[in-house]
Amino acid sequence: MEPLVDEGLGNTCYLLDTGDGRALVVDPPRDLRAVRAAAKRRGLRIAWAAETHLHADFLSGAVRLAADDGARILASAGGGAGLRPRGAG
């Protein structure tokens, strides 16, 4: 597990290696450059984006990971309702 801290926003996201070449990103930030760089350094494909604290002052990168990388979004039923890439059912 690798914590990725955004000191300016005071947010931390985590990149978890699932042991099979795939990764889970927990609470991905809107700016995904550090997340993608960490995954690339480790030779991982981002397969999942989990949201644990959706709220009005946090802009998630989960939808972008789903659209660009094919990541599956994991979120609570109530909180995850709006987290779908455009064109997804």
PDB file of N, CA and C in Angstrom:
ATOM      1  N   MET A   1       0.846  -1.163   0.000  1.00  0.00           N
ATOM      2  CA  MET A   1       0.000   0.000   0.000  1.00  0.00           C
ATOM      3  C   MET A   1       0.897   1.235   0.000  1.00  0.00           C
ATOM      4  N   GLU A   2       0.533   2.179  -0.853  1.00  0.00           N
ATOM      5  CA  GLU A   2       1.300   3.421  -0.939  1.00  0.00           C
ATOM      6  C   GLU A   2       0.361   4.602  -0.712  1.00  0.00           C
ATOM      7  N   PRO A   3       0.562   5.373   0.369  1.00  0.00           N
ATOM      8  CA  PRO A   3      -0.236   6.583   0.559  1.00  0.00           C
ATOM      9  C   PRO A   3       0.261   7.689  -0.359  1.00  0.00           C
ATOM     10  N   LEU A   4      -0.669   8.405  -0.950  1.00  0.00           N
ATOM     11  CA  LEU A   4      -0.345   9.533  -1.817  1.00  0.00           C
ATOM     12  C   LEU A   4      -1.017  10.752  -1.204  1.00  0.00           C
ATOM     13  N   VAL A   5      -0.211  11.643  -0.645  1.00  0.00           N
ATOM     14  CA  VAL A   5      -0.718  12.773   0.133  1.00  0.00           C
ATOM     15  C   VAL A   5      -0.690  14.046  -0.703  1.00  0.00           C
ATOM     16  N   ASP A   6      -1.809  14.751  -0.720  1.00  0.00           N
ATOM     17  CA  ASP A   6      -1.890  16.076  -1.319  1.00  0.00           C
ATOM     18  C   ASP A   6      -1.843  17.067  -0.166  1.00  0.00           C
ATOM     19  N   GLU A   7      -0.667  17.604   0.105  1.00  0.00           N
ATOM     20  CA  GLU A   7      -0.482  18.498   1.241  1.00  0.00           C
ATOM     21  C   GLU A   7      -1.341  19.757   1.122  1.00  0.00           C
ATOM     22  N   GLY A   8      -1.509  20.262  -0.100  1.00  0.00           N
ATOM     23  CA  GLY A   8      -2.275  21.476  -0.303  1.00  0.00           C
ATOM     24  C   GLY A   8      -3.740  21.319   0.076  1.00  0.00           C
ATOM     25  N   LEU A   9      -4.329  20.180  -0.278  1.00  0.00           N
ATOM     26  CA  LEU A   9      -5.737  19.929   0.029  1.00  0.00           C
ATOM     27  C   LEU A   9      -5.927  19.192   1.347  1.00  0.00           C
ATOM     28  N   GLY A  10      -4.863  18.604   1.853  1.00  0.00           N
ATOM     29  CA  GLY A  10      -4.965  17.841   3.088  1.00  0.00           C
ATOM     30  C   GLY A  10      -5.670  16.511   2.899  1.00  0.00           C
ATOM     31  N   ASN A  11      -5.604  15.963   1.694  1.00  0.00           N
ATOM     32  CA  ASN A  11      -6.238  14.672   1.404  1.00  0.00           C
ATOM     33  C   ASN A  11      -5.180  13.605   1.166  1.00  0.00           C
ATOM     34  N   THR A  12      -5.535  12.384   1.492  1.00  0.00           N
ATOM     35  CA  THR A  12      -4.670  11.243   1.221  1.00  0.00           C
ATOM     36  C   THR A  12      -5.464  10.207   0.464  1.00  0.00           C
ATOM     37  N   CYS A  13      -4.866   9.671  -0.575  1.00  0.00           N
ATOM     38  CA  CYS A  13      -5.453   8.526  -1.262  1.00  0.00           C
ATOM     39  C   CYS A  13      -4.437   7.397  -1.147  1.00  0.00           C
ATOM     40  N   TYR A  14      -4.882   6.192  -1.424  1.00  0.00           N
ATOM     41  CA  TYR A  14      -4.019   5.021  -1.265  1.00  0.00           C
ATOM     42  C   TYR A  14      -4.041   4.180  -2.524  1.00  0.00           C
ATOM     43  N   LEU A  15      -2.876   3.696  -2.921  1.00  0.00           N
ATOM     44  CA  LEU A  15      -2.739   2.772  -4.025  1.00  0.00           C
ATOM     45  C   LEU A  15      -2.399   1.415  -3.425  1.00  0.00           C
ATOM     46  N   LEU A  16      -3.273   0.446  -3.646  1.00  0.00           N
ATOM     47  CA  LEU A  16      -3.061  -0.891  -3.087  1.00  0.00           C
ATOM     48  C   LEU A  16      -2.803  -1.890  -4.204  1.00  0.00           C
ATOM     49  N   ASP A  17      -1.700  -2.595  -4.118  1.00  0.00           N
ATOM     50  CA  ASP A  17      -1.334  -3.661  -5.051  1.00  0.00           C
ATOM     51  C   ASP A  17      -2.100  -4.907  -4.650  1.00  0.00           C
ATOM     52  N   THR A  18      -2.934  -5.438  -5.545  1.00  0.00           N
ATOM     53  CA  THR A  18      -3.728  -6.627  -5.211  1.00  0.00           C
ATOM     54  C   THR A  18      -2.967  -7.924  -5.451  1.00  0.00           C
ATOM     55  N   GLY A  19      -1.727  -7.823  -5.895  1.00  0.00           N
ATOM     56  CA  GLY A  19      -0.877  -8.998  -6.030  1.00  0.00           C
ATOM     57  C   GLY A  19      -0.985  -9.711  -7.365  1.00  0.00           C
ATOM     58  N   ASP A  20      -1.797  -9.183  -8.270  1.00  0.00           N
ATOM     59  CA  ASP A  20      -1.983  -9.842  -9.561  1.00  0.00           C
ATOM     60  C   ASP A  20      -1.789  -8.877 -10.735  1.00  0.00           C
ATOM     61  N   GLY A  21      -1.022  -7.805 -10.493  1.00  0.00           N
ATOM     62  CA  GLY A  21      -0.782  -6.821 -11.537  1.00  0.00           C
ATOM     63  C   GLY A  21      -1.836  -5.729 -11.596  1.00  0.00           C
ATOM     64  N   ARG A  22      -2.816  -5.812 -10.697  1.00  0.00           N
ATOM     65  CA  ARG A  22      -3.874  -4.799 -10.659  1.00  0.00           C
ATOM     66  C   ARG A  22      -3.778  -4.016  -9.363  1.00  0.00           C
ATOM     67  N   ALA A  23      -4.433  -2.856  -9.375  1.00  0.00           N
ATOM     68  CA  ALA A  23      -4.405  -1.988  -8.206  1.00  0.00           C
ATOM     69  C   ALA A  23      -5.798  -1.476  -7.882  1.00  0.00           C
ATOM     70  N   LEU A  24      -5.982  -1.196  -6.599  1.00  0.00           N
ATOM     71  CA  LEU A  24      -7.164  -0.526  -6.072  1.00  0.00           C
ATOM     72  C   LEU A  24      -6.708   0.845  -5.608  1.00  0.00           C
ATOM     73  N   VAL A  25      -7.407   1.896  -6.031  1.00  0.00           N
ATOM     74  CA  VAL A  25      -7.121   3.247  -5.568  1.00  0.00           C
ATOM     75  C   VAL A  25      -8.252   3.651  -4.631  1.00  0.00           C
ATOM     76  N   VAL A  26      -7.912   4.008  -3.416  1.00  0.00           N
ATOM     77  CA  VAL A  26      -8.898   4.418  -2.420  1.00  0.00           C
ATOM     78  C   VAL A  26      -8.916   5.940  -2.350  1.00  0.00           C
ATOM     79  N   ASP A  27     -10.085   6.516  -2.539  1.00  0.00           N
ATOM     80  CA  ASP A  27     -10.300   7.971  -2.502  1.00  0.00           C
ATOM     81  C   ASP A  27      -9.406   8.716  -3.491  1.00  0.00           C
ATOM     82  N   PRO A  28      -9.532   8.374  -4.791  1.00  0.00           N
ATOM     83  CA  PRO A  28      -8.688   9.037  -5.791  1.00  0.00           C
ATOM     84  C   PRO A  28      -9.002  10.527  -5.899  1.00  0.00           C
ATOM     85  N   PRO A  29      -7.959  11.355  -5.969  1.00  0.00           N
ATOM     86  CA  PRO A  29      -8.170  12.799  -6.104  1.00  0.00           C
ATOM     87  C   PRO A  29      -8.521  13.148  -7.552  1.00  0.00           C
ATOM     88  N   ARG A  30      -8.977  14.350  -7.751  1.00  0.00           N
ATOM     89  CA  ARG A  30      -9.298  14.795  -9.110  1.00  0.00           C
ATOM     90  C   ARG A  30      -8.038  14.797  -9.979  1.00  0.00           C
ATOM     91  N   ASP A  31      -6.928  15.277  -9.442  1.00  0.00           N
ATOM     92  CA  ASP A  31      -5.657  15.285 -10.175  1.00  0.00           C
ATOM     93  C   ASP A  31      -5.017  13.911 -10.009  1.00  0.00           C
ATOM     94  N   LEU A  32      -5.037  13.142 -11.056  1.00  0.00           N
ATOM     95  CA  LEU A  32      -4.606  11.740 -10.998  1.00  0.00           C
ATOM     96  C   LEU A  32      -3.141  11.517 -11.375  1.00  0.00           C
ATOM     97  N   ARG A  33      -2.397  12.566 -11.597  1.00  0.00           N
ATOM     98  CA  ARG A  33      -1.007  12.383 -12.053  1.00  0.00           C
ATOM     99  C   ARG A  33      -0.174  11.555 -11.079  1.00  0.00           C
ATOM    100  N   ALA A  34      -0.238  11.836  -9.794  1.00  0.00           N
ATOM    101  CA  ALA A  34       0.560  11.089  -8.814  1.00  0.00           C
ATOM    102  C   ALA A  34       0.092   9.641  -8.714  1.00  0.00           C
ATOM    103  N   VAL A  35      -1.213   9.423  -8.796  1.00  0.00           N
ATOM    104  CA  VAL A  35      -1.769   8.069  -8.724  1.00  0.00           C
ATOM    105  C   VAL A  35      -1.291   7.250  -9.914  1.00  0.00           C
ATOM    106  N   ARG A  36      -1.416   7.818 -11.094  1.00  0.00           N
ATOM    107  CA  ARG A  36      -1.006   7.091 -12.303  1.00  0.00           C
ATOM    108  C   ARG A  36       0.507   6.859 -12.330  1.00  0.00           C
ATOM    109  N   ALA A  37       1.278   7.829 -11.869  1.00  0.00           N
ATOM    110  CA  ALA A  37       2.738   7.661 -11.825  1.00  0.00           C
ATOM    111  C   ALA A  37       3.124   6.547 -10.864  1.00  0.00           C
ATOM    112  N   ALA A  38       2.470   6.490  -9.706  1.00  0.00           N
ATOM    113  CA  ALA A  38       2.767   5.437  -8.719  1.00  0.00           C
ATOM    114  C   ALA A  38       2.400   4.063  -9.277  1.00  0.00           C
ATOM    115  N   ALA A  39       1.263   3.978  -9.941  1.00  0.00           N
ATOM    116  CA  ALA A  39       0.853   2.697 -10.536  1.00  0.00           C
ATOM    117  C   ALA A  39       1.845   2.272 -11.620  1.00  0.00           C
ATOM    118  N   LYS A  40       2.256   3.206 -12.445  1.00  0.00           N
ATOM    119  CA  LYS A  40       3.216   2.897 -13.514  1.00  0.00           C
ATOM    120  C   LYS A  40       4.546   2.431 -12.935  1.00  0.00           C
ATOM    121  N   ARG A  41       5.024   3.134 -11.896  1.00  0.00           N
ATOM    122  CA  ARG A  41       6.293   2.733 -11.256  1.00  0.00           C
ATOM    123  C   ARG A  41       6.239   1.300 -10.758  1.00  0.00           C
ATOM    124  N   ARG A  42       5.095   0.889 -10.285  1.00  0.00           N
ATOM    125  CA  ARG A  42       4.935  -0.457  -9.732  1.00  0.00           C
ATOM    126  C   ARG A  42       4.486  -1.479 -10.775  1.00  0.00           C
ATOM    127  N   GLY A  43       4.256  -1.038 -11.998  1.00  0.00           N
ATOM    128  CA  GLY A  43       3.813  -1.938 -13.064  1.00  0.00           C
ATOM    129  C   GLY A  43       2.384  -2.425 -12.864  1.00  0.00           C
ATOM    130  N   LEU A  44       1.525  -1.558 -12.326  1.00  0.00           N
ATOM    131  CA  LEU A  44       0.152  -1.949 -12.008  1.00  0.00           C
ATOM    132  C   LEU A  44      -0.857  -1.298 -12.944  1.00  0.00           C
ATOM    133  N   ARG A  45      -1.938  -2.017 -13.210  1.00  0.00           N
ATOM    134  CA  ARG A  45      -3.082  -1.484 -13.942  1.00  0.00           C
ATOM    135  C   ARG A  45      -4.158  -1.169 -12.919  1.00  0.00           C
ATOM    136  N   ILE A  46      -4.687   0.035 -12.941  1.00  0.00           N
ATOM    137  CA  ILE A  46      -5.717   0.435 -11.984  1.00  0.00           C
ATOM    138  C   ILE A  46      -7.039  -0.213 -12.376  1.00  0.00           C
ATOM    139  N   ALA A  47      -7.517  -1.116 -11.534  1.00  0.00           N
ATOM    140  CA  ALA A  47      -8.731  -1.872 -11.824  1.00  0.00           C
ATOM    141  C   ALA A  47      -9.943  -1.384 -11.035  1.00  0.00           C
ATOM    142  N   TRP A  48      -9.714  -0.782  -9.885  1.00  0.00           N
ATOM    143  CA  TRP A  48     -10.816  -0.328  -9.023  1.00  0.00           C
ATOM    144  C   TRP A  48     -10.500   1.038  -8.433  1.00  0.00           C
ATOM    145  N   ALA A  49     -11.570   1.808  -8.211  1.00  0.00           N
ATOM    146  CA  ALA A  49     -11.482   3.087  -7.507  1.00  0.00           C
ATOM    147  C   ALA A  49     -12.549   3.056  -6.422  1.00  0.00           C
ATOM    148  N   ALA A  50     -12.122   3.071  -5.164  1.00  0.00           N
ATOM    149  CA  ALA A  50     -13.060   3.005  -4.038  1.00  0.00           C
ATOM    150  C   ALA A  50     -13.206   4.376  -3.400  1.00  0.00           C
ATOM    151  N   GLU A  51     -14.445   4.747  -3.138  1.00  0.00           N
ATOM    152  CA  GLU A  51     -14.747   6.017  -2.484  1.00  0.00           C
ATOM    153  C   GLU A  51     -15.246   5.741  -1.078  1.00  0.00           C
ATOM    154  N   THR A  52     -14.564   6.324  -0.091  1.00  0.00           N
ATOM    155  CA  THR A  52     -14.970   6.117   1.301  1.00  0.00           C
ATOM    156  C   THR A  52     -15.565   7.353   1.943  1.00  0.00           C
ATOM    157  N   HIS A  53     -15.362   8.511   1.333  1.00  0.00           N
ATOM    158  CA  HIS A  53     -15.858   9.732   1.978  1.00  0.00           C
ATOM    159  C   HIS A  53     -16.313  10.775   0.967  1.00  0.00           C
ATOM    160  N   LEU A  54     -17.330  10.450   0.218  1.00  0.00           N
ATOM    161  CA  LEU A  54     -17.867  11.409  -0.743  1.00  0.00           C
ATOM    162  C   LEU A  54     -18.547  12.552  -0.010  1.00  0.00           C
ATOM    163  N   HIS A  55     -18.137  13.762  -0.322  1.00  0.00           N
ATOM    164  CA  HIS A  55     -18.776  14.929   0.262  1.00  0.00           C
ATOM    165  C   HIS A  55     -18.540  16.128  -0.645  1.00  0.00           C
ATOM    166  N   ALA A  56     -19.232  17.195  -0.371  1.00  0.00           N
ATOM    167  CA  ALA A  56     -19.273  18.347  -1.276  1.00  0.00           C
ATOM    168  C   ALA A  56     -17.927  19.004  -1.532  1.00  0.00           C
ATOM    169  N   ASP A  57     -16.983  18.934  -0.611  1.00  0.00           N
ATOM    170  CA  ASP A  57     -15.710  19.626  -0.839  1.00  0.00           C
ATOM    171  C   ASP A  57     -14.587  18.696  -1.308  1.00  0.00           C
ATOM    172  N   PHE A  58     -14.943  17.543  -1.834  1.00  0.00           N
ATOM    173  CA  PHE A  58     -13.936  16.617  -2.362  1.00  0.00           C
ATOM    174  C   PHE A  58     -14.303  16.267  -3.796  1.00  0.00           C
ATOM    175  N   LEU A  59     -13.419  16.565  -4.740  1.00  0.00           N
ATOM    176  CA  LEU A  59     -13.640  16.221  -6.143  1.00  0.00           C
ATOM    177  C   LEU A  59     -12.898  14.934  -6.443  1.00  0.00           C
ATOM    178  N   SER A  60     -13.656  13.900  -6.713  1.00  0.00           N
ATOM    179  CA  SER A  60     -13.100  12.570  -6.916  1.00  0.00           C
ATOM    180  C   SER A  60     -12.586  12.372  -8.339  1.00  0.00           C
ATOM    181  N   GLY A  61     -11.544  11.564  -8.457  1.00  0.00           N
ATOM    182  CA  GLY A  61     -11.027  11.163  -9.754  1.00  0.00           C
ATOM    183  C   GLY A  61     -11.560   9.808 -10.198  1.00  0.00           C
ATOM    184  N   ALA A  62     -12.496   9.240  -9.445  1.00  0.00           N
ATOM    185  CA  ALA A  62     -13.004   7.898  -9.744  1.00  0.00           C
ATOM    186  C   ALA A  62     -13.643   7.804 -11.121  1.00  0.00           C
ATOM    187  N   VAL A  63     -14.450   8.771 -11.481  1.00  0.00           N
ATOM    188  CA  VAL A  63     -15.123   8.734 -12.790  1.00  0.00           C
ATOM    189  C   VAL A  63     -14.097   8.780 -13.912  1.00  0.00           C
ATOM    190  N   ARG A  64     -13.062   9.594 -13.748  1.00  0.00           N
ATOM    191  CA  ARG A  64     -12.005   9.674 -14.763  1.00  0.00           C
ATOM    192  C   ARG A  64     -11.255   8.346 -14.865  1.00  0.00           C
ATOM    193  N   LEU A  65     -10.975   7.707 -13.726  1.00  0.00           N
ATOM    194  CA  LEU A  65     -10.306   6.398 -13.755  1.00  0.00           C
ATOM    195  C   LEU A  65     -11.176   5.361 -14.454  1.00  0.00           C
ATOM    196  N   ALA A  66     -12.479   5.439 -14.236  1.00  0.00           N
ATOM    197  CA  ALA A  66     -13.393   4.507 -14.902  1.00  0.00           C
ATOM    198  C   ALA A  66     -13.403   4.751 -16.404  1.00  0.00           C
ATOM    199  N   ALA A  67     -13.502   6.008 -16.790  1.00  0.00           N
ATOM    200  CA  ALA A  67     -13.583   6.346 -18.213  1.00  0.00           C
ATOM    201  C   ALA A  67     -12.276   6.079 -18.960  1.00  0.00           C
ATOM    202  N   ASP A  68     -11.159   6.474 -18.364  1.00  0.00           N
ATOM    203  CA  ASP A  68      -9.866   6.374 -19.052  1.00  0.00           C
ATOM    204  C   ASP A  68      -9.169   5.034 -18.873  1.00  0.00           C
ATOM    205  N   ASP A  69      -9.312   4.442 -17.702  1.00  0.00           N
ATOM    206  CA  ASP A  69      -8.543   3.243 -17.369  1.00  0.00           C
ATOM    207  C   ASP A  69      -9.401   1.988 -17.247  1.00  0.00           C
ATOM    208  N   GLY A  70     -10.720   2.146 -17.332  1.00  0.00           N
ATOM    209  CA  GLY A  70     -11.608   0.990 -17.193  1.00  0.00           C
ATOM    210  C   GLY A  70     -11.776   0.523 -15.763  1.00  0.00           C
ATOM    211  N   ALA A  71     -11.419   1.375 -14.799  1.00  0.00           N
ATOM    212  CA  ALA A  71     -11.549   0.994 -13.385  1.00  0.00           C
ATOM    213  C   ALA A  71     -13.021   0.874 -13.014  1.00  0.00           C
ATOM    214  N   ARG A  72     -13.306  -0.065 -12.154  1.00  0.00           N
ATOM    215  CA  ARG A  72     -14.659  -0.218 -11.617  1.00  0.00           C
ATOM    216  C   ARG A  72     -14.753   0.622 -10.347  1.00  0.00           C
ATOM    217  N   ILE A  73     -15.826   1.401 -10.234  1.00  0.00           N
ATOM    218  CA  ILE A  73     -16.005   2.269  -9.073  1.00  0.00           C
ATOM    219  C   ILE A  73     -16.715   1.506  -7.962  1.00  0.00           C
ATOM    220  N   LEU A  74     -16.139   1.574  -6.776  1.00  0.00           N
ATOM    221  CA  LEU A  74     -16.718   0.965  -5.586  1.00  0.00           C
ATOM    222  C   LEU A  74     -17.119   2.087  -4.644  1.00  0.00           C
ATOM    223  N   ALA A  75     -18.409   2.167  -4.312  1.00  0.00           N
ATOM    224  CA  ALA A  75     -18.904   3.215  -3.419  1.00  0.00           C
ATOM    225  C   ALA A  75     -20.200   2.733  -2.796  1.00  0.00           C
ATOM    226  N   SER A  76     -20.605   3.392  -1.720  1.00  0.00           N
ATOM    227  CA  SER A  76     -21.869   3.036  -1.084  1.00  0.00           C
ATOM    228  C   SER A  76     -23.013   3.282  -2.058  1.00  0.00           C
ATOM    229  N   ALA A  77     -24.110   2.588  -1.870  1.00  0.00           N
ATOM    230  CA  ALA A  77     -25.258   2.721  -2.761  1.00  0.00           C
ATOM    231  C   ALA A  77     -25.743   4.160  -2.825  1.00  0.00           C
ATOM    232  N   GLY A  78     -25.857   4.823  -1.692  1.00  0.00           N
ATOM    233  CA  GLY A  78     -26.329   6.199  -1.677  1.00  0.00           C
ATOM    234  C   GLY A  78     -25.311   7.181  -2.196  1.00  0.00           C
ATOM    235  N   GLY A  79     -24.066   7.012  -1.811  1.00  0.00           N
ATOM    236  CA  GLY A  79     -23.031   7.951  -2.187  1.00  0.00           C
ATOM    237  C   GLY A  79     -22.510   7.763  -3.599  1.00  0.00           C
ATOM    238  N   GLY A  80     -22.619   6.581  -4.136  1.00  0.00           N
ATOM    239  CA  GLY A  80     -22.038   6.294  -5.441  1.00  0.00           C
ATOM    240  C   GLY A  80     -22.972   6.510  -6.606  1.00  0.00           C
ATOM    241  N   ALA A  81     -24.212   6.933  -6.363  1.00  0.00           N
ATOM    242  CA  ALA A  81     -25.197   7.057  -7.417  1.00  0.00           C
ATOM    243  C   ALA A  81     -24.748   7.975  -8.557  1.00  0.00           C
ATOM    244  N   GLY A  82     -24.041   9.038  -8.266  1.00  0.00           N
ATOM    245  CA  GLY A  82     -23.614   9.967  -9.288  1.00  0.00           C
ATOM    246  C   GLY A  82     -22.250   9.683  -9.864  1.00  0.00           C
ATOM    247  N   LEU A  83     -21.647   8.585  -9.511  1.00  0.00           N
ATOM    248  CA  LEU A  83     -20.295   8.273  -9.962  1.00  0.00           C
ATOM    249  C   LEU A  83     -20.308   7.300 -11.135  1.00  0.00           C
ATOM    250  N   ARG A  84     -20.767   7.769 -12.246  1.00  0.00           N
ATOM    251  CA  ARG A  84     -20.764   6.938 -13.449  1.00  0.00           C
ATOM    252  C   ARG A  84     -20.128   7.710 -14.583  1.00  0.00           C
ATOM    253  N   PRO A  85     -19.290   7.050 -15.378  1.00  0.00           N
ATOM    254  CA  PRO A  85     -18.739   7.734 -16.547  1.00  0.00           C
ATOM    255  C   PRO A  85     -19.877   8.090 -17.492  1.00  0.00           C
ATOM    256  N   ARG A  86     -19.708   9.139 -18.258  1.00  0.00           N
ATOM    257  CA  ARG A  86     -20.727   9.520 -19.243  1.00  0.00           C
ATOM    258  C   ARG A  86     -20.992   8.361 -20.177  1.00  0.00           C
ATOM    259  N   GLY A  87     -22.271   8.148 -20.460  1.00  0.00           N
ATOM    260  CA  GLY A  87     -22.659   7.076 -21.350  1.00  0.00           C
ATOM    261  C   GLY A  87     -22.850   5.743 -20.663  1.00  0.00           C
ATOM    262  N   ALA A  88     -22.502   5.651 -19.386  1.00  0.00           N
ATOM    263  CA  ALA A  88     -22.687   4.388 -18.651  1.00  0.00           C
ATOM    264  C   ALA A  88     -24.106   4.334 -18.123  1.00  0.00           C
ATOM    265  N   GLY A  89     -24.702   3.157 -18.129  1.00  0.00           N
ATOM    266  CA  GLY A  89     -26.086   2.953 -17.681  1.00  0.00           C
ATOM    267  C   GLY A  89     -26.254   3.118 -16.269  1.00  0.00           C
TER     268      GLY A  89
END
